[in-house]
Amino acid sequence: LRLRQTLEDMTLLRSSVQRYLASTTDAERERNMTALRAAIRVVNENITPLPVEERGE
């Protein structure tokens, strides 16, 4: 499930990179960088393994 979500988020990441690279003004570049960082954070959260719970035996 997380892998599928990560693959879907790659589209968001790709479009965020494209918008950033197409930025023409400093304000637009800053706004698009904020969106790009958010997209990176989402992908990173989805690919980071969940902690393994210790079993009390």
C-alpha atoms as a PDB file:
ATOM      1  CA  LEU A   1       0.000   0.000   0.000  1.00  0.00           C
ATOM      2  CA  ARG A   2       2.748   2.468   0.896  1.00  0.00           C
ATOM      3  CA  LEU A   3       4.688   1.538  -2.231  1.00  0.00           C
ATOM      4  CA  ARG A   4       1.654   2.182  -4.423  1.00  0.00           C
ATOM      5  CA  GLN A   5       1.129   5.560  -2.734  1.00  0.00           C
ATOM      6  CA  THR A   6       4.806   6.403  -3.246  1.00  0.00           C
ATOM      7  CA  LEU A   7       4.540   5.626  -6.948  1.00  0.00           C
ATOM      8  CA  GLU A   8       1.509   7.903  -7.198  1.00  0.00           C
ATOM      9  CA  ASP A   9       3.389  10.613  -5.305  1.00  0.00           C
ATOM     10  CA  MET A  10       6.212  10.420  -7.856  1.00  0.00           C
ATOM     11  CA  THR A  11       3.870  12.136 -10.321  1.00  0.00           C
ATOM     12  CA  LEU A  12       3.429  14.966  -7.828  1.00  0.00           C
ATOM     13  CA  LEU A  13       7.184  15.154  -7.339  1.00  0.00           C
ATOM     14  CA  ARG A  14       7.841  15.200 -11.084  1.00  0.00           C
ATOM     15  CA  SER A  15       5.339  17.998 -11.704  1.00  0.00           C
ATOM     16  CA  SER A  16       6.748  19.991  -8.770  1.00  0.00           C
ATOM     17  CA  VAL A  17      10.242  19.757 -10.274  1.00  0.00           C
ATOM     18  CA  GLN A  18       8.909  20.834 -13.674  1.00  0.00           C
ATOM     19  CA  ARG A  19       7.104  23.849 -12.165  1.00  0.00           C
ATOM     20  CA  TYR A  20      10.242  24.852 -10.254  1.00  0.00           C
ATOM     21  CA  LEU A  21      12.442  24.595 -13.339  1.00  0.00           C
ATOM     22  CA  ALA A  22       9.921  26.636 -15.346  1.00  0.00           C
ATOM     23  CA  SER A  23       9.838  29.430 -12.746  1.00  0.00           C
ATOM     24  CA  THR A  24      10.671  32.818 -14.210  1.00  0.00           C
ATOM     25  CA  THR A  25      10.554  35.129 -11.191  1.00  0.00           C
ATOM     26  CA  ASP A  26      12.105  34.928  -7.746  1.00  0.00           C
ATOM     27  CA  ALA A  27       8.661  34.895  -6.105  1.00  0.00           C
ATOM     28  CA  GLU A  28       7.468  32.110  -8.381  1.00  0.00           C
ATOM     29  CA  ARG A  29      10.691  30.159  -7.803  1.00  0.00           C
ATOM     30  CA  GLU A  30      10.314  30.481  -4.023  1.00  0.00           C
ATOM     31  CA  ARG A  31       6.664  29.388  -4.118  1.00  0.00           C
ATOM     32  CA  ASN A  32       7.497  26.423  -6.337  1.00  0.00           C
ATOM     33  CA  MET A  33      10.464  25.452  -4.148  1.00  0.00           C
ATOM     34  CA  THR A  34       8.138  25.318  -1.142  1.00  0.00           C
ATOM     35  CA  ALA A  35       5.811  22.977  -3.056  1.00  0.00           C
ATOM     36  CA  LEU A  36       8.782  20.891  -4.222  1.00  0.00           C
ATOM     37  CA  ARG A  37      10.073  20.495  -0.669  1.00  0.00           C
ATOM     38  CA  ALA A  38       6.618  19.381   0.461  1.00  0.00           C
ATOM     39  CA  ALA A  39       6.470  16.796  -2.336  1.00  0.00           C
ATOM     40  CA  ILE A  40       9.933  15.516  -1.393  1.00  0.00           C
ATOM     41  CA  ARG A  41       8.851  15.234   2.245  1.00  0.00           C
ATOM     42  CA  VAL A  42       5.749  13.196   1.280  1.00  0.00           C
ATOM     43  CA  VAL A  43       7.765  10.783  -0.872  1.00  0.00           C
ATOM     44  CA  ASN A  44      10.432  10.473   1.810  1.00  0.00           C
ATOM     45  CA  GLU A  45       7.820   9.633   4.457  1.00  0.00           C
ATOM     46  CA  ASN A  46       6.376   6.927   2.219  1.00  0.00           C
ATOM     47  CA  ILE A  47       9.702   5.250   1.481  1.00  0.00           C
ATOM     48  CA  THR A  48      10.982   5.354   5.058  1.00  0.00           C
ATOM     49  CA  PRO A  49      10.354   1.970   6.694  1.00  0.00           C
ATOM     50  CA  LEU A  50       7.912   1.897   9.562  1.00  0.00           C
ATOM     51  CA  PRO A  51       9.485   1.020  12.922  1.00  0.00           C
ATOM     52  CA  VAL A  52       9.230  -2.625  13.860  1.00  0.00           C
ATOM     53  CA  GLU A  53       7.316  -3.092  17.083  1.00  0.00           C
ATOM     54  CA  GLU A  54       9.001  -5.206  19.726  1.00  0.00           C
ATOM     55  CA  ARG A  55       7.018  -8.214  20.814  1.00  0.00           C
ATOM     56  CA  GLY A  56       6.595  -8.732  24.527  1.00  0.00           C
ATOM     57  CA  GLU A  57       7.037 -12.447  25.111  1.00  0.00           C
END
